[in-house]
Amino acid sequence: MNGDECTEILKEEMRAVYRYLMKTGASHSDAEDVVQDTLYKAVLYMEAIAPESFRAWLFKVAHNGYLDLCRQRKGHPEVTLDSAWPADRRTPEEAALNRVRQEEVSAVLAKMKPVYRRLILLKYQSGLSIREIACALSMGEETVKKYLYRARIQFREHYRRGCQ
């Protein structure tokens, strides 16, 4: 792999990490700071990280970095999905329906337990595998599967209650 290919892969992964941080409640500037720190650590330790676990390692470093930042500021992360969704390229009606759906999903995620919210975002927004999530959150794969199952149930229950 040449330098340009490596740079493109890192840019793509950092965009995914940034989106994850924004959806977990980081502000734009906090997400950028954490991404920058994560990239620095990735470049610094790149040779020591197994290629198959590199993506999970990035998310773990970013997640822990954001938690450290919140602890330093004694802030509590809140889910805000508004600024993290891509711009709509639809009709005004479709865009309005999409916004309503996003608000519903944001409200449901805000009601969920933090660990379940994190699992849902890592699995469905970031597209990580069970193994990558387990590595990123320092959990066993079976625990991730069990919690993800419970997270889906909790999401479904909150969503149904909100739509009634």
Protein backbone atom coordinates (compact mmCIF):
# COMPACT_ATOMS: atom_id res chain seq x y z
CA MET A 1 0.00 0.00 0.00
CA ASN A 2 1.44 3.34 -0.99
CA GLY A 3 1.18 6.61 0.95
CA ASP A 4 -1.77 7.96 -1.05
CA GLU A 5 -3.83 4.80 -0.48
CA CYS A 6 -3.03 4.88 3.23
CA THR A 7 -4.00 8.55 3.43
CA GLU A 8 -7.35 7.90 1.71
CA ILE A 9 -8.13 4.98 4.04
CA LEU A 10 -7.30 7.10 7.09
CA LYS A 11 -9.44 10.00 5.81
CA GLU A 12 -12.40 7.68 5.27
CA GLU A 13 -12.03 6.10 8.71
CA MET A 14 -11.65 9.49 10.39
CA ARG A 15 -14.87 10.69 8.71
CA ALA A 16 -16.65 7.62 10.12
CA VAL A 17 -15.20 8.30 13.59
CA TYR A 18 -16.27 11.96 13.34
CA ARG A 19 -19.85 10.97 12.42
CA TYR A 20 -19.94 8.51 15.32
CA LEU A 21 -18.76 11.18 17.77
CA MET A 22 -21.31 13.70 16.49
CA LYS A 23 -24.09 11.17 16.93
CA THR A 24 -23.01 10.35 20.46
CA GLY A 25 -23.34 14.00 21.42
CA ALA A 26 -19.96 15.62 20.77
CA SER A 27 -19.94 19.19 19.57
CA HIS A 28 -18.30 19.93 16.22
CA SER A 29 -15.13 21.25 17.84
CA ASP A 30 -14.92 18.42 20.39
CA ALA A 31 -15.37 15.82 17.64
CA GLU A 32 -12.65 17.47 15.57
CA ASP A 33 -10.29 17.53 18.57
CA VAL A 34 -10.92 13.87 19.36
CA VAL A 35 -10.54 12.87 15.70
CA GLN A 36 -7.25 14.76 15.49
CA ASP A 37 -5.97 13.07 18.64
CA THR A 38 -7.15 9.68 17.36
CA LEU A 39 -5.40 10.22 14.02
CA TYR A 40 -2.21 11.22 15.80
CA LYS A 41 -2.30 8.05 17.89
CA ALA A 42 -3.13 5.94 14.82
CA VAL A 43 -0.10 7.26 12.95
CA LEU A 44 2.07 6.88 16.03
CA TYR A 45 1.05 3.26 16.73
CA MET A 46 0.09 2.12 13.22
CA GLU A 47 2.76 -0.56 12.96
CA ALA A 48 1.78 -2.07 16.32
CA ILE A 49 -1.94 -2.39 15.48
CA ALA A 50 -3.13 -5.56 13.78
CA PRO A 51 -4.68 -4.65 10.39
CA GLU A 52 -7.85 -6.66 11.07
CA SER A 53 -8.55 -4.74 14.28
CA PHE A 54 -7.43 -1.29 13.09
CA ARG A 55 -10.95 0.09 12.57
CA ALA A 56 -12.18 -1.13 15.95
CA TRP A 57 -9.04 0.28 17.55
CA LEU A 58 -9.78 3.71 16.04
CA PHE A 59 -13.33 3.73 17.42
CA LYS A 60 -12.12 2.58 20.83
CA VAL A 61 -9.48 5.32 21.02
CA ALA A 62 -11.99 7.95 19.85
CA HIS A 63 -14.69 6.77 22.25
CA ASN A 64 -12.29 6.76 25.20
CA GLY A 65 -10.89 10.14 24.15
CA TYR A 66 -14.36 11.64 24.09
CA LEU A 67 -15.22 10.16 27.49
CA ASP A 68 -11.99 11.62 28.89
CA LEU A 69 -12.89 15.01 27.42
CA CYS A 70 -16.36 14.84 29.00
CA ARG A 71 -14.89 13.88 32.36
CA GLN A 72 -12.45 16.78 32.20
CA ARG A 73 -15.29 19.19 31.54
CA LYS A 74 -17.70 17.28 33.78
CA GLY A 75 -20.12 17.37 30.87
CA HIS A 76 -22.64 14.76 29.97
CA PRO A 77 -22.87 13.75 26.33
CA GLU A 78 -26.28 14.08 24.74
CA VAL A 79 -27.43 12.65 21.46
CA THR A 80 -27.85 15.22 18.72
CA LEU A 81 -28.28 13.85 15.25
CA ASP A 82 -29.39 17.02 13.46
CA SER A 83 -25.98 18.18 12.27
CA ALA A 84 -24.67 14.70 11.52
CA TRP A 85 -27.16 13.71 8.82
CA PRO A 86 -26.24 14.33 5.21
CA ALA A 87 -27.96 17.14 3.34
CA ASP A 88 -31.24 16.16 1.72
CA ARG A 89 -31.37 15.96 -2.05
CA ARG A 90 -35.08 15.20 -2.17
CA THR A 91 -38.33 16.98 -2.72
CA PRO A 92 -39.41 19.31 0.10
CA GLU A 93 -42.04 16.76 1.19
CA GLU A 94 -39.50 13.93 1.34
CA ALA A 95 -37.04 16.18 3.19
CA ALA A 96 -39.72 17.11 5.74
CA LEU A 97 -40.66 13.47 6.29
CA ASN A 98 -37.00 12.58 6.65
CA ARG A 99 -36.51 15.34 9.25
CA VAL A 100 -39.50 14.08 11.22
CA ARG A 101 -38.11 10.54 11.10
CA GLN A 102 -34.68 11.78 12.24
CA GLU A 103 -36.26 13.66 15.14
CA GLU A 104 -38.18 10.52 16.15
CA VAL A 105 -35.01 8.42 16.04
CA SER A 106 -33.09 11.07 18.00
CA ALA A 107 -35.81 11.15 20.66
CA VAL A 108 -35.81 7.37 20.93
CA LEU A 109 -32.01 7.19 21.17
CA ALA A 110 -32.02 9.87 23.88
CA LYS A 111 -34.33 7.71 26.01
CA MET A 112 -32.14 4.61 25.73
CA LYS A 113 -29.48 3.45 28.13
CA PRO A 114 -26.11 4.90 27.09
CA VAL A 115 -24.53 1.50 26.43
CA TYR A 116 -27.45 0.47 24.22
CA ARG A 117 -27.36 3.81 22.36
CA ARG A 118 -23.62 3.35 21.74
CA LEU A 119 -24.16 -0.18 20.42
CA ILE A 120 -26.94 0.91 18.05
CA LEU A 121 -24.81 3.76 16.68
CA LEU A 122 -21.70 1.61 16.25
CA LYS A 123 -23.61 -1.18 14.54
CA TYR A 124 -26.05 0.70 12.32
CA GLN A 125 -24.52 4.14 11.81
CA SER A 126 -20.84 3.21 11.74
CA GLY A 127 -21.32 -0.28 10.30
CA LEU A 128 -18.95 -2.05 12.68
CA SER A 129 -19.10 -5.82 12.99
CA ILE A 130 -19.85 -7.57 16.30
CA ARG A 131 -16.15 -8.35 16.66
CA GLU A 132 -15.15 -4.71 16.01
CA ILE A 133 -17.73 -3.43 18.50
CA ALA A 134 -16.50 -5.91 21.11
CA CYS A 135 -12.95 -4.70 20.61
CA ALA A 136 -13.94 -1.02 20.61
CA LEU A 137 -15.95 -1.30 23.84
CA SER A 138 -13.76 -3.91 25.57
CA MET A 139 -16.60 -6.42 25.76
CA GLY A 140 -16.92 -10.05 24.81
CA GLU A 141 -18.61 -10.81 21.49
CA GLU A 142 -21.42 -12.73 23.22
CA THR A 143 -22.02 -9.77 25.53
CA VAL A 144 -22.22 -7.44 22.53
CA LYS A 145 -24.73 -9.74 20.83
CA LYS A 146 -26.84 -9.95 23.98
CA TYR A 147 -26.75 -6.19 24.60
CA LEU A 148 -27.43 -5.42 20.94
CA TYR A 149 -30.47 -7.70 21.08
CA ARG A 150 -31.70 -5.86 24.18
CA ALA A 151 -30.91 -2.50 22.56
CA ARG A 152 -33.04 -3.37 19.54
CA ILE A 153 -35.92 -4.38 21.80
CA GLN A 154 -35.59 -1.18 23.84
CA PHE A 155 -35.41 0.92 20.68
CA ARG A 156 -38.50 -0.78 19.24
CA GLU A 157 -40.48 -0.31 22.48
CA HIS A 158 -39.58 3.37 22.80
CA TYR A 159 -40.30 3.96 19.12
CA ARG A 160 -43.73 2.31 19.31
CA ARG A 161 -44.64 4.28 22.43
CA GLY A 162 -43.56 7.51 20.74
CA CYS A 163 -45.60 6.82 17.61
CA GLN A 164 -48.84 6.13 19.47
